[in-house]
Amino acid sequence: MASTNLTFKIGDIEINRLGYGAMQLTGHGVFGEVEDRENAKKVLQTAVENGVNFIDTAEAYGPKFNESLIAEALHPYRSGLLIATKGGFDRTGPNKWVPNGSPEKIRADIEGSLERLKVDQIDLWQLHRIDPNVDVEKTLAPVIEAVKSGKIKHVGLSEVSIEQIKKVQNILPIVSVQNMYNLVDRNWEEVLDYAAEQGLAFIPWFPLASGPAKLEEKIKSIAAEHEATTSQIALAWLLKRSPNILLIPGTKSVAHLEENLKAATIELSDKEFETLSQQ
């Protein structure tokens, strides 16, 4: 394993690989307004003040409230800050997520995100899910229009297989893939490797899944060596796993945010990496 490079380029923006996922800055079940709006704004502002220049959100978070919150906290945006959003889900209630890839929905999501984020161009727009009931070419038609008209700069996908990525790559260029992946759940290992081969950013959601007791013990001993928390070690492992991984751990706490960001300073040895990698 090579020494960890802490940046990755998306287009012309050099991304610090430890970013921030804003999903938790919403109500219960990722639905409705965040409980403490001033605290949520402080978390976002602290992230950017500490060098975070990649923030992940979505139309579906709230829905809509999360994007508006980001604009309220951070607009006008600092130069070099990339805000990624997503579209393609209907939200019918807390913890309810219904894929909707109809062109009308996608078009409305794009227009709404532009308005709520107060931007003329979305840096990175991701299809939140491929709707199994709609041909993906139809779903992506308004995305292609938005790219051509300058409303979207880059396009990404979420929770997709290699086969689905290849199909979309035949329709339009993509720069990123966002799938669930962490030290414990590595079902998308092949997708991560494919993304690396293709030069695509891989953005693991749920990067801090709590592992079984066996793994906890492994992390604890290595964490003690580095005077770090188990969360910091889990993030450091992801940073070392592949140079195209962009991390978006989320939190409602400024203290926890600052703790997560310190993971970038931890350099695991090859031996520690291998120990953690054994399942």
Protein backbone atom coordinates (compact mmCIF):
# COMPACT_ATOMS: atom_id res chain seq x y z
CA MET A 1 0.00 0.00 0.00
CA ALA A 2 1.34 3.38 -1.00
CA SER A 3 1.34 6.39 1.29
CA THR A 4 -2.12 7.92 1.46
CA ASN A 5 -2.71 10.79 -0.96
CA LEU A 6 -5.32 13.04 0.65
CA THR A 7 -6.71 14.71 -2.48
CA PHE A 8 -8.58 13.57 -5.59
CA LYS A 9 -9.51 15.62 -8.64
CA ILE A 10 -13.07 15.92 -9.91
CA GLY A 11 -12.88 17.95 -13.09
CA ASP A 12 -10.81 21.00 -12.24
CA ILE A 13 -11.48 20.88 -8.48
CA GLU A 14 -8.92 19.28 -6.15
CA ILE A 15 -11.04 17.56 -3.50
CA ASN A 16 -9.85 16.94 0.04
CA ARG A 17 -10.78 13.26 0.38
CA LEU A 18 -12.28 13.70 3.83
CA GLY A 19 -15.53 15.53 3.10
CA TYR A 20 -18.89 15.85 4.84
CA GLY A 21 -22.25 14.17 4.27
CA ALA A 22 -25.15 16.41 5.29
CA MET A 23 -27.92 13.77 5.47
CA GLN A 24 -28.06 13.80 9.28
CA LEU A 25 -28.91 17.50 9.29
CA THR A 26 -32.60 16.69 8.86
CA GLY A 27 -35.49 15.51 11.02
CA HIS A 28 -36.14 11.96 12.24
CA GLY A 29 -35.94 9.39 9.44
CA VAL A 30 -34.21 11.96 7.18
CA PHE A 31 -37.60 13.67 7.01
CA GLY A 32 -38.55 17.23 7.87
CA GLU A 33 -36.55 20.09 9.29
CA VAL A 34 -33.46 19.56 11.45
CA GLU A 35 -34.18 19.99 15.16
CA ASP A 36 -31.53 22.64 15.89
CA ARG A 37 -31.02 24.71 12.75
CA GLU A 38 -28.40 27.05 14.22
CA ASN A 39 -26.29 24.10 15.37
CA ALA A 40 -26.67 22.48 11.92
CA LYS A 41 -25.41 25.67 10.26
CA LYS A 42 -22.48 25.76 12.68
CA VAL A 43 -21.54 22.16 11.76
CA LEU A 44 -21.49 23.05 8.05
CA GLN A 45 -19.51 26.24 8.62
CA THR A 46 -17.00 24.43 10.85
CA ALA A 47 -16.52 21.75 8.19
CA VAL A 48 -15.62 24.32 5.54
CA GLU A 49 -13.43 26.30 7.98
CA ASN A 50 -11.49 23.07 8.62
CA GLY A 51 -10.70 22.51 4.96
CA VAL A 52 -13.68 20.39 3.83
CA ASN A 53 -14.38 21.25 0.20
CA PHE A 54 -16.72 18.38 -0.69
CA ILE A 55 -20.24 18.35 0.77
CA ASP A 56 -22.81 15.74 -0.17
CA THR A 57 -26.56 16.39 -0.02
CA ALA A 58 -29.72 15.40 -1.92
CA GLU A 59 -33.15 16.67 -2.87
CA ALA A 60 -34.54 13.74 -0.87
CA TYR A 61 -32.93 14.83 2.42
CA GLY A 62 -35.79 16.50 4.23
CA PRO A 63 -36.88 16.40 1.40
CA LYS A 64 -35.59 19.75 0.17
CA PHE A 65 -34.78 21.22 3.63
CA ASN A 66 -31.17 20.02 3.57
CA GLU A 67 -30.21 21.85 0.37
CA SER A 68 -31.81 25.09 1.64
CA LEU A 69 -29.93 24.72 4.93
CA ILE A 70 -26.60 24.39 3.11
CA ALA A 71 -27.29 27.56 1.13
CA GLU A 72 -28.32 29.43 4.28
CA ALA A 73 -25.15 28.34 6.09
CA LEU A 74 -22.58 28.65 3.32
CA HIS A 75 -23.80 30.87 0.45
CA PRO A 76 -22.01 32.69 -1.14
CA TYR A 77 -19.83 29.60 -1.45
CA ARG A 78 -16.10 29.61 -0.90
CA SER A 79 -14.06 29.17 -4.08
CA GLY A 80 -13.19 25.51 -4.70
CA LEU A 81 -16.08 24.14 -2.59
CA LEU A 82 -17.85 21.34 -4.45
CA ILE A 83 -21.45 20.66 -3.40
CA ALA A 84 -22.80 17.37 -4.71
CA THR A 85 -26.53 16.70 -4.72
CA LYS A 86 -28.80 13.90 -5.89
CA GLY A 87 -32.26 13.37 -7.36
CA GLY A 88 -34.65 10.54 -8.18
CA PHE A 89 -36.41 9.60 -4.94
CA ASP A 90 -39.97 10.28 -3.77
CA ARG A 91 -40.24 10.73 0.01
CA THR A 92 -43.63 9.71 1.41
CA GLY A 93 -42.63 9.83 5.09
CA PRO A 94 -39.80 9.23 7.59
CA ASN A 95 -37.46 6.43 6.42
CA LYS A 96 -39.57 5.94 3.26
CA TRP A 97 -37.66 6.04 -0.04
CA VAL A 98 -39.38 5.33 -3.37
CA PRO A 99 -37.25 5.49 -6.55
CA ASN A 100 -38.80 7.73 -9.21
CA GLY A 101 -36.83 7.96 -12.45
CA SER A 102 -39.52 9.63 -14.53
CA PRO A 103 -38.07 12.43 -16.68
CA GLU A 104 -40.57 14.88 -15.14
CA LYS A 105 -39.38 14.09 -11.62
CA ILE A 106 -35.70 14.28 -12.58
CA ARG A 107 -36.19 17.61 -14.36
CA ALA A 108 -38.06 19.03 -11.35
CA ASP A 109 -35.37 17.78 -8.96
CA ILE A 110 -32.61 19.44 -10.97
CA GLU A 111 -34.44 22.76 -11.21
CA GLY A 112 -35.35 22.62 -7.51
CA SER A 113 -31.77 21.86 -6.46
CA LEU A 114 -30.43 24.79 -8.49
CA GLU A 115 -32.92 27.09 -6.77
CA ARG A 116 -32.45 25.80 -3.21
CA LEU A 117 -28.64 25.71 -3.43
CA LYS A 118 -28.69 29.19 -5.03
CA VAL A 119 -26.42 28.17 -7.91
CA ASP A 120 -26.53 28.47 -11.70
CA GLN A 121 -24.68 25.17 -12.08
CA ILE A 122 -24.65 22.01 -9.94
CA ASP A 123 -21.03 20.84 -9.53
CA LEU A 124 -21.97 17.16 -9.22
CA TRP A 125 -25.50 15.82 -9.74
CA GLN A 126 -26.00 12.14 -8.88
CA LEU A 127 -28.87 9.83 -9.79
CA HIS A 128 -29.90 8.69 -6.30
CA ARG A 129 -31.21 5.35 -7.57
CA ILE A 130 -31.90 3.76 -10.93
CA ASP A 131 -35.68 3.25 -11.07
CA PRO A 132 -36.31 -0.39 -12.11
CA ASN A 133 -39.62 0.69 -13.69
CA VAL A 134 -38.16 3.35 -16.01
CA ASP A 135 -35.63 2.89 -18.81
CA VAL A 136 -32.46 4.60 -17.58
CA GLU A 137 -32.07 6.36 -20.94
CA LYS A 138 -35.41 8.11 -20.35
CA THR A 139 -34.38 8.95 -16.77
CA LEU A 140 -31.13 10.51 -17.95
CA ALA A 141 -32.57 12.50 -20.87
CA PRO A 142 -33.22 15.63 -18.72
CA VAL A 143 -29.77 15.18 -17.12
CA ILE A 144 -28.13 15.26 -20.56
CA GLU A 145 -30.16 18.41 -21.37
CA ALA A 146 -29.02 20.02 -18.11
CA VAL A 147 -25.36 19.19 -18.85
CA LYS A 148 -25.66 20.67 -22.36
CA SER A 149 -27.29 23.86 -21.05
CA GLY A 150 -24.65 24.26 -18.31
CA LYS A 151 -26.96 23.56 -15.36
CA ILE A 152 -24.96 20.45 -14.37
CA LYS A 153 -21.16 20.25 -14.54
CA HIS A 154 -20.57 16.58 -13.62
CA VAL A 155 -22.79 13.50 -13.23
CA GLY A 156 -22.56 10.58 -10.81
CA LEU A 157 -24.51 7.44 -9.87
CA SER A 158 -25.53 5.86 -6.58
CA GLU A 159 -25.96 2.22 -5.50
CA VAL A 160 -25.15 0.71 -8.89
CA SER A 161 -23.54 -2.44 -10.27
CA ILE A 162 -20.65 -2.50 -12.78
CA GLU A 163 -23.14 -3.49 -15.48
CA GLN A 164 -25.32 -0.46 -14.69
CA ILE A 165 -22.31 1.86 -14.64
CA LYS A 166 -21.22 0.60 -18.08
CA LYS A 167 -24.73 1.09 -19.48
CA VAL A 168 -24.80 4.70 -18.25
CA GLN A 169 -21.26 5.35 -19.50
CA ASN A 170 -22.55 4.56 -22.99
CA ILE A 171 -25.16 7.31 -22.56
CA LEU A 172 -23.15 10.09 -20.91
CA PRO A 173 -19.83 10.59 -19.05
CA ILE A 174 -19.87 10.10 -15.27
CA VAL A 175 -17.26 11.07 -12.67
CA SER A 176 -18.41 9.29 -9.51
CA VAL A 177 -20.16 6.31 -7.93
CA GLN A 178 -21.73 6.43 -4.46
CA ASN A 179 -22.39 2.96 -3.01
CA MET A 180 -22.61 1.64 0.54
CA TYR A 181 -19.16 0.50 1.64
CA ASN A 182 -17.23 0.32 4.89
CA LEU A 183 -14.80 -1.85 6.83
CA VAL A 184 -17.57 -4.33 7.65
CA ASP A 185 -19.82 -4.23 4.57
CA ARG A 186 -17.74 -4.71 1.43
CA ASN A 187 -20.34 -6.11 -0.96
CA TRP A 188 -19.42 -3.47 -3.56
CA GLU A 189 -15.68 -4.28 -3.58
CA GLU A 190 -15.69 -5.01 -7.34
CA VAL A 191 -17.51 -1.74 -8.07
CA LEU A 192 -14.91 0.17 -6.06
CA ASP A 193 -12.10 -1.46 -8.05
CA TYR A 194 -13.88 -0.79 -11.36
CA ALA A 195 -14.37 2.86 -10.38
CA ALA A 196 -10.65 3.12 -9.56
CA GLU A 197 -9.73 1.63 -12.96
CA GLN A 198 -12.03 4.12 -14.68
CA GLY A 199 -10.70 7.11 -12.73
CA LEU A 200 -14.08 7.65 -11.06
CA ALA A 201 -14.47 8.91 -7.51
CA PHE A 202 -15.96 6.27 -5.20
CA ILE A 203 -18.03 7.81 -2.39
CA PRO A 204 -18.93 5.25 0.29
CA TRP A 205 -22.12 6.06 2.13
CA PHE A 206 -22.47 4.74 5.69
CA PRO A 207 -18.65 4.73 6.03
CA LEU A 208 -18.82 4.24 9.80
CA ALA A 209 -21.00 1.13 10.09
CA SER A 210 -20.47 -0.44 13.48
CA GLY A 211 -18.81 -3.82 13.08
CA PRO A 212 -19.05 -7.11 14.90
CA ALA A 213 -17.25 -7.50 18.23
CA LYS A 214 -14.30 -9.28 16.55
CA LEU A 215 -13.63 -6.28 14.34
CA GLU A 216 -14.12 -3.89 17.25
CA GLU A 217 -11.30 -5.69 19.06
CA LYS A 218 -9.06 -5.41 15.98
CA ILE A 219 -9.79 -1.71 15.62
CA LYS A 220 -9.36 -1.04 19.34
CA SER A 221 -5.80 -2.36 19.51
CA ILE A 222 -4.76 -0.40 16.40
CA ALA A 223 -6.65 2.68 17.65
CA ALA A 224 -4.69 2.48 20.92
CA GLU A 225 -1.41 2.44 18.96
CA HIS A 226 -2.42 5.66 17.18
CA GLU A 227 -4.15 7.23 20.20
CA ALA A 228 -7.23 7.39 17.97
CA THR A 229 -10.90 6.43 18.14
CA THR A 230 -12.32 3.35 16.38
CA SER A 231 -14.18 5.69 14.01
CA GLN A 232 -10.96 7.47 13.05
CA ILE A 233 -9.28 4.13 12.31
CA ALA A 234 -12.26 2.96 10.19
CA LEU A 235 -12.00 6.19 8.15
CA ALA A 236 -8.21 5.93 7.88
CA TRP A 237 -8.62 2.39 6.54
CA LEU A 238 -10.99 3.66 3.82
CA LEU A 239 -8.56 6.43 2.84
CA LYS A 240 -5.79 3.83 2.46
CA ARG A 241 -8.01 1.27 0.72
CA SER A 242 -8.10 3.14 -2.60
CA PRO A 243 -6.95 6.60 -3.74
CA ASN A 244 -10.29 7.34 -5.44
CA ILE A 245 -12.34 7.05 -2.22
CA LEU A 246 -13.94 10.31 -1.08
CA LEU A 247 -15.31 10.10 2.46
CA ILE A 248 -18.52 11.78 3.59
CA PRO A 249 -19.04 10.89 7.26
CA GLY A 250 -22.01 12.78 8.66
CA THR A 251 -22.73 14.10 12.14
CA LYS A 252 -24.86 16.69 13.95
CA SER A 253 -22.03 17.43 16.40
CA VAL A 254 -19.20 19.92 15.86
CA ALA A 255 -16.96 17.91 18.24
CA HIS A 256 -17.65 14.66 16.35
CA LEU A 257 -17.03 16.43 13.03
CA GLU A 258 -13.63 17.64 14.22
CA GLU A 259 -12.82 14.14 15.49
CA ASN A 260 -13.71 12.61 12.10
CA LEU A 261 -11.55 15.12 10.24
CA LYS A 262 -8.50 14.11 12.29
CA ALA A 263 -8.69 10.68 10.60
CA ALA A 264 -6.85 12.28 7.67
CA THR A 265 -3.76 12.63 9.87
CA ILE A 266 -3.60 8.89 10.65
CA GLU A 267 -1.26 6.86 8.44
CA LEU A 268 -1.89 3.15 8.91
CA SER A 269 1.06 0.84 8.31
CA ASP A 270 0.67 -1.81 5.59
CA LYS A 271 0.53 -4.44 8.32
CA GLU A 272 -2.25 -2.61 10.20
CA PHE A 273 -4.15 -2.18 6.94
CA GLU A 274 -3.89 -5.91 6.17
CA THR A 275 -4.96 -6.85 9.72
CA LEU A 276 -8.07 -4.70 9.42
CA SER A 277 -8.80 -5.95 5.90
CA GLN A 278 -9.05 -9.62 6.95
CA GLN A 279 -12.70 -10.55 7.43
